[in-house]
Amino acid sequence: KMRIKLSSRIGFAIHADSTNLLKTIGMEKTL
């Protein structure tokens, strides 16, 4: 639910080199 509510901000962030940032806040969604 957090990922859905933050989808616009996450979508803006994934275009940059922000893998470590998304991992730090627990918002990465990898296989």
PDB file of all heavy atoms in Angstrom:
ATOM      1  N   LYS A   1       0.824  -1.202   0.000  1.00  0.00           N
ATOM      2  CA  LYS A   1       0.000   0.000   0.000  1.00  0.00           C
ATOM      3  C   LYS A   1       0.865   1.262   0.000  1.00  0.00           C
ATOM      4  O   LYS A   1       0.510   2.265  -0.619  1.00  0.00           O
ATOM      5  CB  LYS A   1      -0.928   0.004   1.206  1.00  0.00           C
ATOM      6  CG  LYS A   1      -2.022  -1.060   1.150  1.00  0.00           C
ATOM      7  CD  LYS A   1      -2.943  -0.951   2.337  1.00  0.00           C
ATOM      8  CE  LYS A   1      -4.055  -1.997   2.253  1.00  0.00           C
ATOM      9  NZ  LYS A   1      -4.975  -1.925   3.431  1.00  0.00           N
ATOM     10  N   MET A   2       1.995   1.207   0.703  1.00  0.00           N
ATOM     11  CA  MET A   2       2.920   2.332   0.665  1.00  0.00           C
ATOM     12  C   MET A   2       3.435   2.560  -0.748  1.00  0.00           C
ATOM     13  O   MET A   2       3.522   3.701  -1.218  1.00  0.00           O
ATOM     14  CB  MET A   2       4.100   2.083   1.614  1.00  0.00           C
ATOM     15  CG  MET A   2       3.768   2.211   3.080  1.00  0.00           C
ATOM     16  SD  MET A   2       5.209   1.821   4.112  1.00  0.00           S
ATOM     17  CE  MET A   2       6.407   2.976   3.485  1.00  0.00           C
ATOM     18  N   ARG A   3       3.762   1.479  -1.426  1.00  0.00           N
ATOM     19  CA  ARG A   3       4.289   1.603  -2.779  1.00  0.00           C
ATOM     20  C   ARG A   3       3.236   2.201  -3.724  1.00  0.00           C
ATOM     21  O   ARG A   3       3.564   2.971  -4.633  1.00  0.00           O
ATOM     22  CB  ARG A   3       4.746   0.238  -3.286  1.00  0.00           C
ATOM     23  CG  ARG A   3       5.535   0.305  -4.584  1.00  0.00           C
ATOM     24  CD  ARG A   3       6.041  -1.056  -5.004  1.00  0.00           C
ATOM     25  NE  ARG A   3       7.145  -1.460  -4.155  1.00  0.00           N
ATOM     26  CZ  ARG A   3       7.073  -2.435  -3.252  1.00  0.00           C
ATOM     27  NH1 ARG A   3       5.946  -3.093  -3.088  1.00  0.00           N
ATOM     28  NH2 ARG A   3       8.112  -2.764  -2.524  1.00  0.00           N
ATOM     29  N   ILE A   4       1.972   1.855  -3.510  1.00  0.00           N
ATOM     30  CA  ILE A   4       0.906   2.404  -4.348  1.00  0.00           C
ATOM     31  C   ILE A   4       0.723   3.898  -4.075  1.00  0.00           C
ATOM     32  O   ILE A   4       0.583   4.707  -5.002  1.00  0.00           O
ATOM     33  CB  ILE A   4      -0.411   1.638  -4.105  1.00  0.00           C
ATOM     34  CG1 ILE A   4      -0.276   0.195  -4.610  1.00  0.00           C
ATOM     35  CG2 ILE A   4      -1.580   2.335  -4.786  1.00  0.00           C
ATOM     36  CD1 ILE A   4      -1.452  -0.684  -4.264  1.00  0.00           C
ATOM     37  N   LYS A   5       0.722   4.281  -2.798  1.00  0.00           N
ATOM     38  CA  LYS A   5       0.540   5.688  -2.464  1.00  0.00           C
ATOM     39  C   LYS A   5       1.728   6.552  -2.894  1.00  0.00           C
ATOM     40  O   LYS A   5       1.558   7.741  -3.187  1.00  0.00           O
ATOM     41  CB  LYS A   5       0.316   5.832  -0.960  1.00  0.00           C
ATOM     42  CG  LYS A   5      -1.030   5.287  -0.489  1.00  0.00           C
ATOM     43  CD  LYS A   5      -1.248   5.571   0.993  1.00  0.00           C
ATOM     44  CE  LYS A   5      -2.622   5.096   1.434  1.00  0.00           C
ATOM     45  NZ  LYS A   5      -2.900   5.410   2.859  1.00  0.00           N
ATOM     46  N   LEU A   6       2.911   5.970  -2.918  1.00  0.00           N
ATOM     47  CA  LEU A   6       4.113   6.713  -3.298  1.00  0.00           C
ATOM     48  C   LEU A   6       4.516   6.436  -4.741  1.00  0.00           C
ATOM     49  O   LEU A   6       5.665   6.676  -5.120  1.00  0.00           O
ATOM     50  CB  LEU A   6       5.278   6.347  -2.371  1.00  0.00           C
ATOM     51  CG  LEU A   6       5.088   6.637  -0.887  1.00  0.00           C
ATOM     52  CD1 LEU A   6       6.276   6.109  -0.093  1.00  0.00           C
ATOM     53  CD2 LEU A   6       4.907   8.128  -0.641  1.00  0.00           C
ATOM     54  N   SER A   7       3.594   5.925  -5.549  1.00  0.00           N
ATOM     55  CA  SER A   7       3.950   5.486  -6.903  1.00  0.00           C
ATOM     56  C   SER A   7       4.487   6.636  -7.753  1.00  0.00           C
ATOM     57  O   SER A   7       5.426   6.438  -8.540  1.00  0.00           O
ATOM     58  CB  SER A   7       2.730   4.856  -7.574  1.00  0.00           C
ATOM     59  OG  SER A   7       1.649   5.774  -7.616  1.00  0.00           O
ATOM     60  N   SER A   8       3.906   7.837  -7.614  1.00  0.00           N
ATOM     61  CA  SER A   8       4.378   8.952  -8.430  1.00  0.00           C
ATOM     62  C   SER A   8       5.802   9.352  -8.059  1.00  0.00           C
ATOM     63  O   SER A   8       6.643   9.597  -8.935  1.00  0.00           O
ATOM     64  CB  SER A   8       3.434  10.148  -8.274  1.00  0.00           C
ATOM     65  OG  SER A   8       3.393  10.576  -6.928  1.00  0.00           O
ATOM     66  N   ARG A   9       6.087   9.409  -6.761  1.00  0.00           N
ATOM     67  CA  ARG A   9       7.442   9.767  -6.329  1.00  0.00           C
ATOM     68  C   ARG A   9       8.446   8.673  -6.671  1.00  0.00           C
ATOM     69  O   ARG A   9       9.568   8.959  -7.093  1.00  0.00           O
ATOM     70  CB  ARG A   9       7.458  10.028  -4.812  1.00  0.00           C
ATOM     71  CG  ARG A   9       6.687  11.274  -4.392  1.00  0.00           C
ATOM     72  CD  ARG A   9       6.826  11.513  -2.904  1.00  0.00           C
ATOM     73  NE  ARG A   9       6.140  12.708  -2.457  1.00  0.00           N
ATOM     74  CZ  ARG A   9       6.674  13.918  -2.449  1.00  0.00           C
ATOM     75  NH1 ARG A   9       7.914  14.092  -2.866  1.00  0.00           N
ATOM     76  NH2 ARG A   9       5.975  14.957  -2.006  1.00  0.00           N
ATOM     77  N   ILE A  10       8.041   7.423  -6.497  1.00  0.00           N
ATOM     78  CA  ILE A  10       8.943   6.313  -6.828  1.00  0.00           C
ATOM     79  C   ILE A  10       9.188   6.264  -8.331  1.00  0.00           C
ATOM     80  O   ILE A  10      10.311   6.026  -8.791  1.00  0.00           O
ATOM     81  CB  ILE A  10       8.369   4.985  -6.312  1.00  0.00           C
ATOM     82  CG1 ILE A  10       8.312   4.986  -4.782  1.00  0.00           C
ATOM     83  CG2 ILE A  10       9.191   3.805  -6.799  1.00  0.00           C
ATOM     84  CD1 ILE A  10       7.635   3.774  -4.194  1.00  0.00           C
ATOM     85  N   GLY A  11       8.121   6.491  -9.113  1.00  0.00           N
ATOM     86  CA  GLY A  11       8.284   6.506 -10.558  1.00  0.00           C
ATOM     87  C   GLY A  11       9.228   7.594 -11.029  1.00  0.00           C
ATOM     88  O   GLY A  11       9.966   7.415 -12.001  1.00  0.00           O
ATOM     89  N   PHE A  12       9.228   8.739 -10.345  1.00  0.00           N
ATOM     90  CA  PHE A  12      10.171   9.803 -10.680  1.00  0.00           C
ATOM     91  C   PHE A  12      11.588   9.422 -10.270  1.00  0.00           C
ATOM     92  O   PHE A  12      12.560   9.765 -10.955  1.00  0.00           O
ATOM     93  CB  PHE A  12       9.751  11.092  -9.972  1.00  0.00           C
ATOM     94  CG  PHE A  12      10.457  12.322 -10.457  1.00  0.00           C
ATOM     95  CD1 PHE A  12       9.994  13.028 -11.540  1.00  0.00           C
ATOM     96  CD2 PHE A  12      11.602  12.769  -9.810  1.00  0.00           C
ATOM     97  CE1 PHE A  12      10.649  14.158 -11.988  1.00  0.00           C
ATOM     98  CE2 PHE A  12      12.267  13.904 -10.244  1.00  0.00           C
ATOM     99  CZ  PHE A  12      11.782  14.599 -11.344  1.00  0.00           C
ATOM    100  N   ALA A  13      11.723   8.675  -9.176  1.00  0.00           N
ATOM    101  CA  ALA A  13      13.058   8.344  -8.650  1.00  0.00           C
ATOM    102  C   ALA A  13      13.740   7.237  -9.439  1.00  0.00           C
ATOM    103  O   ALA A  13      14.966   7.235  -9.562  1.00  0.00           O
ATOM    104  CB  ALA A  13      12.951   7.941  -7.185  1.00  0.00           C
ATOM    105  N   ILE A  14      12.972   6.286  -9.979  1.00  0.00           N
ATOM    106  CA  ILE A  14      13.604   5.132 -10.620  1.00  0.00           C
ATOM    107  C   ILE A  14      14.304   5.518 -11.922  1.00  0.00           C
ATOM    108  O   ILE A  14      15.122   4.733 -12.420  1.00  0.00           O
ATOM    109  CB  ILE A  14      12.586   4.022 -10.897  1.00  0.00           C
ATOM    110  CG1 ILE A  14      11.460   4.525 -11.814  1.00  0.00           C
ATOM    111  CG2 ILE A  14      12.012   3.478  -9.599  1.00  0.00           C
ATOM    112  CD1 ILE A  14      10.467   3.445 -12.186  1.00  0.00           C
ATOM    113  N   HIS A  15      14.015   6.696 -12.484  1.00  0.00           N
ATOM    114  CA  HIS A  15      14.717   7.119 -13.691  1.00  0.00           C
ATOM    115  C   HIS A  15      16.145   7.562 -13.374  1.00  0.00           C
ATOM    116  O   HIS A  15      16.964   7.658 -14.289  1.00  0.00           O
ATOM    117  CB  HIS A  15      13.956   8.257 -14.369  1.00  0.00           C
ATOM    118  CG  HIS A  15      12.674   7.827 -15.003  1.00  0.00           C
ATOM    119  ND1 HIS A  15      12.588   7.343 -16.285  1.00  0.00           N
ATOM    120  CD2 HIS A  15      11.414   7.779 -14.507  1.00  0.00           C
ATOM    121  CE1 HIS A  15      11.341   7.028 -16.570  1.00  0.00           C
ATOM    122  NE2 HIS A  15      10.609   7.296 -15.502  1.00  0.00           N
ATOM    123  N   ALA A  16      16.428   7.849 -12.117  1.00  0.00           N
ATOM    124  CA  ALA A  16      17.785   8.196 -11.697  1.00  0.00           C
ATOM    125  C   ALA A  16      18.470   6.967 -11.107  1.00  0.00           C
ATOM    126  O   ALA A  16      17.871   5.890 -10.994  1.00  0.00           O
ATOM    127  CB  ALA A  16      17.744   9.341 -10.672  1.00  0.00           C
ATOM    128  N   ASP A  17      19.723   7.120 -10.744  1.00  0.00           N
ATOM    129  CA  ASP A  17      20.470   6.028 -10.104  1.00  0.00           C
ATOM    130  C   ASP A  17      20.143   6.027  -8.612  1.00  0.00           C
ATOM    131  O   ASP A  17      20.952   6.431  -7.775  1.00  0.00           O
ATOM    132  CB  ASP A  17      21.978   6.214 -10.332  1.00  0.00           C
ATOM    133  CG  ASP A  17      22.322   6.206 -11.815  1.00  0.00           C
ATOM    134  OD1 ASP A  17      21.650   5.467 -12.555  1.00  0.00           O
ATOM    135  OD2 ASP A  17      23.237   6.932 -12.228  1.00  0.00           O
ATOM    136  N   SER A  18      18.935   5.565  -8.294  1.00  0.00           N
ATOM    137  CA  SER A  18      18.431   5.652  -6.927  1.00  0.00           C
ATOM    138  C   SER A  18      18.159   4.280  -6.323  1.00  0.00           C
ATOM    139  O   SER A  18      17.313   4.147  -5.441  1.00  0.00           O
ATOM    140  CB  SER A  18      17.151   6.480  -6.906  1.00  0.00           C
ATOM    141  OG  SER A  18      16.183   5.935  -7.788  1.00  0.00           O
ATOM    142  N   THR A  19      18.861   3.240  -6.792  1.00  0.00           N
ATOM    143  CA  THR A  19      18.624   1.889  -6.269  1.00  0.00           C
ATOM    144  C   THR A  19      18.911   1.811  -4.780  1.00  0.00           C
ATOM    145  O   THR A  19      18.133   1.244  -3.999  1.00  0.00           O
ATOM    146  CB  THR A  19      19.489   0.872  -7.025  1.00  0.00           C
ATOM    147  OG1 THR A  19      19.211   0.972  -8.424  1.00  0.00           O
ATOM    148  CG2 THR A  19      19.189  -0.540  -6.565  1.00  0.00           C
ATOM    149  N   ASN A  20      20.025   2.395  -4.354  1.00  0.00           N
ATOM    150  CA  ASN A  20      20.393   2.352  -2.940  1.00  0.00           C
ATOM    151  C   ASN A  20      19.399   3.135  -2.089  1.00  0.00           C
ATOM    152  O   ASN A  20      19.065   2.727  -0.962  1.00  0.00           O
ATOM    153  CB  ASN A  20      21.802   2.911  -2.746  1.00  0.00           C
ATOM    154  CG  ASN A  20      22.305   2.741  -1.328  1.00  0.00           C
ATOM    155  OD1 ASN A  20      22.321   1.628  -0.809  1.00  0.00           O
ATOM    156  ND2 ASN A  20      22.701   3.840  -0.701  1.00  0.00           N
ATOM    157  N   LEU A  21      18.891   4.263  -2.603  1.00  0.00           N
ATOM    158  CA  LEU A  21      17.905   5.051  -1.862  1.00  0.00           C
ATOM    159  C   LEU A  21      16.622   4.255  -1.656  1.00  0.00           C
ATOM    160  O   LEU A  21      16.070   4.225  -0.546  1.00  0.00           O
ATOM    161  CB  LEU A  21      17.610   6.351  -2.619  1.00  0.00           C
ATOM    162  CG  LEU A  21      16.460   7.211  -2.078  1.00  0.00           C
ATOM    163  CD1 LEU A  21      16.779   7.730  -0.692  1.00  0.00           C
ATOM    164  CD2 LEU A  21      16.167   8.364  -3.028  1.00  0.00           C
ATOM    165  N   LEU A  22      16.129   3.607  -2.700  1.00  0.00           N
ATOM    166  CA  LEU A  22      14.897   2.832  -2.583  1.00  0.00           C
ATOM    167  C   LEU A  22      15.087   1.638  -1.654  1.00  0.00           C
ATOM    168  O   LEU A  22      14.163   1.245  -0.936  1.00  0.00           O
ATOM    169  CB  LEU A  22      14.443   2.369  -3.964  1.00  0.00           C
ATOM    170  CG  LEU A  22      14.038   3.481  -4.939  1.00  0.00           C
ATOM    171  CD1 LEU A  22      13.688   2.899  -6.295  1.00  0.00           C
ATOM    172  CD2 LEU A  22      12.883   4.290  -4.384  1.00  0.00           C
ATOM    173  N   LYS A  23      16.270   1.051  -1.653  1.00  0.00           N
ATOM    174  CA  LYS A  23      16.541  -0.052  -0.719  1.00  0.00           C
ATOM    175  C   LYS A  23      16.556   0.451   0.717  1.00  0.00           C
ATOM    176  O   LYS A  23      16.075  -0.221   1.632  1.00  0.00           O
ATOM    177  CB  LYS A  23      17.877  -0.711  -1.058  1.00  0.00           C
ATOM    178  CG  LYS A  23      17.830  -1.637  -2.261  1.00  0.00           C
ATOM    179  CD  LYS A  23      19.168  -2.315  -2.451  1.00  0.00           C
ATOM    180  CE  LYS A  23      19.121  -3.296  -3.618  1.00  0.00           C
ATOM    181  NZ  LYS A  23      20.436  -3.970  -3.829  1.00  0.00           N
ATOM    182  N   THR A  24      17.115   1.644   0.926  1.00  0.00           N
ATOM    183  CA  THR A  24      17.223   2.177   2.283  1.00  0.00           C
ATOM    184  C   THR A  24      15.847   2.419   2.898  1.00  0.00           C
ATOM    185  O   THR A  24      15.631   2.152   4.088  1.00  0.00           O
ATOM    186  CB  THR A  24      18.029   3.484   2.258  1.00  0.00           C
ATOM    187  OG1 THR A  24      19.317   3.237   1.687  1.00  0.00           O
ATOM    188  CG2 THR A  24      18.203   4.038   3.658  1.00  0.00           C
ATOM    189  N   ILE A  25      14.903   2.915   2.104  1.00  0.00           N
ATOM    190  CA  ILE A  25      13.567   3.178   2.638  1.00  0.00           C
ATOM    191  C   ILE A  25      12.633   1.996   2.438  1.00  0.00           C
ATOM    192  O   ILE A  25      11.444   2.072   2.775  1.00  0.00           O
ATOM    193  CB  ILE A  25      12.962   4.441   1.974  1.00  0.00           C
ATOM    194  CG1 ILE A  25      12.781   4.224   0.468  1.00  0.00           C
ATOM    195  CG2 ILE A  25      13.819   5.652   2.254  1.00  0.00           C
ATOM    196  CD1 ILE A  25      12.117   5.403  -0.232  1.00  0.00           C
ATOM    197  N   GLY A  26      13.159   0.890   1.900  1.00  0.00           N
ATOM    198  CA  GLY A  26      12.366  -0.324   1.764  1.00  0.00           C
ATOM    199  C   GLY A  26      11.316  -0.283   0.682  1.00  0.00           C
ATOM    200  O   GLY A  26      10.298  -0.973   0.777  1.00  0.00           O
ATOM    201  N   MET A  27      11.562   0.492  -0.368  1.00  0.00           N
ATOM    202  CA  MET A  27      10.575   0.637  -1.427  1.00  0.00           C
ATOM    203  C   MET A  27      11.008  -0.021  -2.725  1.00  0.00           C
ATOM    204  O   MET A  27      10.357   0.158  -3.749  1.00  0.00           O
ATOM    205  CB  MET A  27      10.298   2.124  -1.695  1.00  0.00           C
ATOM    206  CG  MET A  27       9.459   2.802  -0.639  1.00  0.00           C
ATOM    207  SD  MET A  27       7.746   2.227  -0.619  1.00  0.00           S
ATOM    208  CE  MET A  27       7.776   1.089   0.773  1.00  0.00           C
ATOM    209  N   GLU A  28      12.108  -0.787  -2.718  1.00  0.00           N
ATOM    210  CA  GLU A  28      12.493  -1.457  -3.951  1.00  0.00           C
ATOM    211  C   GLU A  28      11.623  -2.694  -4.158  1.00  0.00           C
ATOM    212  O   GLU A  28      11.145  -3.313  -3.201  1.00  0.00           O
ATOM    213  CB  GLU A  28      13.977  -1.835  -3.913  1.00  0.00           C
ATOM    214  CG  GLU A  28      14.307  -3.171  -3.260  1.00  0.00           C
ATOM    215  CD  GLU A  28      14.285  -3.118  -1.758  1.00  0.00           C
ATOM    216  OE1 GLU A  28      13.902  -2.066  -1.208  1.00  0.00           O
ATOM    217  OE2 GLU A  28      14.649  -4.121  -1.130  1.00  0.00           O
ATOM    218  N   LYS A  29      11.402  -3.029  -5.404  1.00  0.00           N
ATOM    219  CA  LYS A  29      10.596  -4.207  -5.731  1.00  0.00           C
ATOM    220  C   LYS A  29      11.335  -4.991  -6.809  1.00  0.00           C
ATOM    221  O   LYS A  29      11.101  -4.836  -7.994  1.00  0.00           O
ATOM    222  CB  LYS A  29       9.206  -3.809  -6.219  1.00  0.00           C
ATOM    223  CG  LYS A  29       8.235  -4.982  -6.359  1.00  0.00           C
ATOM    224  CD  LYS A  29       6.852  -4.514  -6.718  1.00  0.00           C
ATOM    225  CE  LYS A  29       5.878  -5.692  -6.775  1.00  0.00           C
ATOM    226  NZ  LYS A  29       4.507  -5.251  -7.126  1.00  0.00           N
ATOM    227  N   THR A  30      12.250  -5.845  -6.352  1.00  0.00           N
ATOM    228  CA  THR A  30      13.074  -6.632  -7.257  1.00  0.00           C
ATOM    229  C   THR A  30      12.709  -8.100  -7.151  1.00  0.00           C
ATOM    230  O   THR A  30      12.068  -8.540  -6.200  1.00  0.00           O
ATOM    231  CB  THR A  30      14.564  -6.443  -6.928  1.00  0.00           C
ATOM    232  OG1 THR A  30      14.799  -6.869  -5.571  1.00  0.00           O
ATOM    233  CG2 THR A  30      14.967  -4.981  -7.066  1.00  0.00           C
ATOM    234  N   LEU A  31      13.138  -8.873  -8.141  1.00  0.00           N
ATOM    235  CA  LEU A  31      12.847 -10.302  -8.138  1.00  0.00           C
ATOM    236  C   LEU A  31      13.510 -10.994  -6.960  1.00  0.00           C
ATOM    237  O   LEU A  31      12.931 -11.889  -6.334  1.00  0.00           O
ATOM    238  CB  LEU A  31      13.318 -10.931  -9.458  1.00  0.00           C
ATOM    239  CG  LEU A  31      13.075 -12.429  -9.624  1.00  0.00           C
ATOM    240  CD1 LEU A  31      11.588 -12.733  -9.558  1.00  0.00           C
ATOM    241  CD2 LEU A  31      13.666 -12.920 -10.936  1.00  0.00           C
TER     242      LEU A  31
END
